[in-house]
């Protein structure tokens, strides 16, 4: 991946609806060259898709919670991950170090929905030994945008 690819990715992160003509004019490429580069980035899995980023509260998902899950034995991991992948309330799932096995980021309508989600969906899964839930009171920063500029700074040995 070169500097032009990183610039295209940064522009798409700002607005994935930007036309190929506008992208090309901003990075100095033709429309067909932008198209080819983006096809390659999609094919390599660098770009997983383009989505609208929604305001959770505006669509009625007022509660953001982080659920730590302890899986009792490794043989339960595969089934746990398959089940979690099918749960729309789970926005993120991270395999973590420490006292728990996984950290889930969850969005639900209210605390009653969170209670139902935890008791019916998570705690009932085979291998789930324990959970601990933290509710976010507010989220002053929440972004899907990756810091591509840090890659450039790191490559040049600059401090961040």
Protein backbone atom coordinates (compact mmCIF):
# COMPACT_ATOMS: atom_id res chain seq x y z
CA UNK A 1 0.00 0.00 0.00
CA UNK A 2 1.46 3.35 -1.01
CA UNK A 3 0.77 6.95 -0.02
CA UNK A 4 -1.92 7.37 -2.69
CA UNK A 5 -3.79 4.31 -1.40
CA UNK A 6 -3.63 5.71 2.15
CA UNK A 7 -4.92 9.08 0.94
CA UNK A 8 -7.80 7.41 -0.93
CA UNK A 9 -8.66 5.44 2.21
CA UNK A 10 -8.57 8.58 4.36
CA UNK A 11 -10.88 10.38 1.93
CA UNK A 12 -13.30 7.44 1.86
CA UNK A 13 -13.35 7.34 5.66
CA UNK A 14 -14.43 11.00 5.64
CA UNK A 15 -17.24 10.33 3.15
CA UNK A 16 -17.62 7.00 1.36
CA UNK A 17 -20.02 8.62 -1.11
CA UNK A 18 -17.24 10.71 -2.67
CA UNK A 19 -17.23 10.18 -6.43
CA UNK A 20 -14.28 8.55 -8.15
CA UNK A 21 -13.85 11.77 -10.16
CA UNK A 22 -13.53 13.82 -6.96
CA UNK A 23 -11.22 11.24 -5.37
CA UNK A 24 -9.06 11.26 -8.49
CA UNK A 25 -8.80 15.03 -8.61
CA UNK A 26 -7.77 15.11 -4.94
CA UNK A 27 -5.00 12.51 -5.31
CA UNK A 28 -3.95 13.22 -8.89
CA UNK A 29 -5.35 10.10 -10.62
CA UNK A 30 -7.84 9.40 -13.38
CA UNK A 31 -11.23 7.89 -12.59
CA UNK A 32 -10.14 4.55 -14.03
CA UNK A 33 -6.95 4.55 -11.91
CA UNK A 34 -9.00 5.26 -8.76
CA UNK A 35 -11.40 2.48 -9.72
CA UNK A 36 -8.52 0.00 -10.17
CA UNK A 37 -6.87 0.92 -6.88
CA UNK A 38 -10.15 0.64 -4.96
CA UNK A 39 -10.95 -2.72 -6.61
CA UNK A 40 -7.56 -4.01 -5.45
CA UNK A 41 -8.07 -2.66 -1.92
CA UNK A 42 -11.48 -4.39 -1.78
CA UNK A 43 -10.02 -7.65 -3.13
CA UNK A 44 -7.21 -7.60 -0.54
CA UNK A 45 -9.74 -7.04 2.26
CA UNK A 46 -8.39 -3.60 3.16
CA UNK A 47 -11.85 -2.13 2.51
CA UNK A 48 -14.55 -4.30 4.06
CA UNK A 49 -17.48 -2.14 2.96
CA UNK A 50 -18.96 1.33 3.04
CA UNK A 51 -21.70 2.14 5.53
CA UNK A 52 -23.65 5.05 6.94
CA UNK A 53 -22.47 5.87 10.45
CA UNK A 54 -25.59 6.35 12.56
CA UNK A 55 -26.14 8.28 15.78
CA UNK A 56 -27.23 5.45 18.17
CA UNK A 57 -29.50 7.60 20.33
CA UNK A 58 -31.25 9.02 17.26
CA UNK A 59 -32.38 5.49 16.35
CA UNK A 60 -33.38 4.51 19.89
CA UNK A 61 -30.26 2.63 21.03
CA UNK A 62 -29.58 4.68 24.15
CA UNK A 63 -27.45 2.23 26.15
CA UNK A 64 -23.85 1.40 25.31
CA UNK A 65 -22.42 -1.37 27.46
CA UNK A 66 -19.16 -3.28 27.58
CA UNK A 67 -19.57 -6.90 28.58
CA UNK A 68 -16.59 -8.93 29.73
CA UNK A 69 -17.15 -12.65 29.21
CA UNK A 70 -15.19 -15.50 30.74
CA UNK A 71 -15.27 -18.73 28.73
CA UNK A 72 -14.55 -21.70 31.00
CA UNK A 73 -12.71 -23.88 28.45
CA UNK A 74 -11.14 -23.16 25.03
CA UNK A 75 -13.30 -25.76 23.29
CA UNK A 76 -16.29 -23.44 23.83
CA UNK A 77 -14.70 -20.51 21.98
CA UNK A 78 -15.79 -21.47 18.47
CA UNK A 79 -19.47 -21.91 19.37
CA UNK A 80 -19.41 -18.72 21.46
CA UNK A 81 -17.95 -16.69 18.59
CA UNK A 82 -20.45 -18.13 16.11
CA UNK A 83 -23.34 -17.20 18.40
CA UNK A 84 -22.01 -13.70 19.09
CA UNK A 85 -21.57 -13.08 15.34
CA UNK A 86 -25.34 -13.56 14.92
CA UNK A 87 -26.33 -11.10 17.67
CA UNK A 88 -27.20 -7.67 16.23
CA UNK A 89 -26.76 -5.96 19.61
CA UNK A 90 -23.06 -6.89 19.63
CA UNK A 91 -21.14 -4.24 17.72
CA UNK A 92 -17.67 -5.51 18.56
CA UNK A 93 -16.10 -8.62 20.03
CA UNK A 94 -12.48 -8.64 21.17
CA UNK A 95 -10.40 -11.54 22.48
CA UNK A 96 -8.56 -9.94 25.40
CA UNK A 97 -5.95 -10.54 28.04
CA UNK A 98 -6.68 -10.44 31.75
CA UNK A 99 -9.35 -12.11 33.86
CA UNK A 100 -11.89 -12.44 31.04
CA UNK A 101 -11.78 -14.07 27.63
CA UNK A 102 -13.75 -11.59 25.52
CA UNK A 103 -14.90 -7.98 25.61
CA UNK A 104 -18.14 -7.14 23.83
CA UNK A 105 -19.38 -3.70 22.88
CA UNK A 106 -23.16 -3.76 22.94
CA UNK A 107 -25.87 -1.25 22.00
CA UNK A 108 -29.45 -1.71 23.20
CA UNK A 109 -32.50 0.47 23.79
CA UNK A 110 -32.50 0.56 27.58
CA UNK A 111 -31.38 -1.28 30.71
CA UNK A 112 -34.32 -3.68 30.50
CA UNK A 113 -33.18 -4.68 27.02
CA UNK A 114 -29.62 -5.06 28.34
CA UNK A 115 -30.84 -7.33 31.13
CA UNK A 116 -32.76 -9.47 28.64
CA UNK A 117 -29.78 -9.60 26.28
CA UNK A 118 -27.42 -10.70 29.04
CA UNK A 119 -29.69 -13.28 30.63
CA UNK A 120 -31.23 -14.79 27.50
CA UNK A 121 -28.50 -14.46 24.91
CA UNK A 122 -25.08 -14.30 26.53
CA UNK A 123 -25.29 -16.14 29.85
CA UNK A 124 -27.15 -19.03 28.28
CA UNK A 125 -24.35 -19.86 25.87
CA UNK A 126 -22.39 -23.04 26.52
CA UNK A 127 -19.09 -22.33 28.21
CA UNK A 128 -19.94 -18.88 29.58
CA UNK A 129 -18.71 -19.05 33.16
CA UNK A 130 -19.08 -15.41 34.16
CA UNK A 131 -19.80 -11.93 32.82
CA UNK A 132 -19.16 -8.43 34.06
CA UNK A 133 -20.96 -5.49 32.51
CA UNK A 134 -20.02 -1.83 32.44
CA UNK A 135 -22.54 0.74 31.19
CA UNK A 136 -21.15 3.82 29.46
CA UNK A 137 -22.69 6.97 30.92
CA UNK A 138 -21.65 8.94 27.85
CA UNK A 139 -19.38 8.49 24.86
CA UNK A 140 -17.51 11.75 24.20
CA UNK A 141 -15.53 10.08 21.41
CA UNK A 142 -16.66 7.16 19.33
CA UNK A 143 -15.36 6.76 15.79
CA UNK A 144 -14.99 4.08 13.13
CA UNK A 145 -12.19 6.09 11.50
CA UNK A 146 -8.66 4.67 11.59
CA UNK A 147 -5.69 7.02 12.11
CA UNK A 148 -3.90 6.53 8.78
CA UNK A 149 -1.75 9.60 9.41
CA UNK A 150 -0.10 7.69 12.27
CA UNK A 151 1.17 5.18 9.71
CA UNK A 152 2.88 7.99 7.80
CA UNK A 153 4.33 9.49 11.01
CA UNK A 154 5.56 6.04 12.11
CA UNK A 155 7.18 5.34 8.75
CA UNK A 156 9.11 8.61 9.01
CA UNK A 157 10.08 8.01 12.65
CA UNK A 158 8.15 11.05 13.91
CA UNK A 159 6.72 11.23 17.41
CA UNK A 160 2.96 11.04 17.68
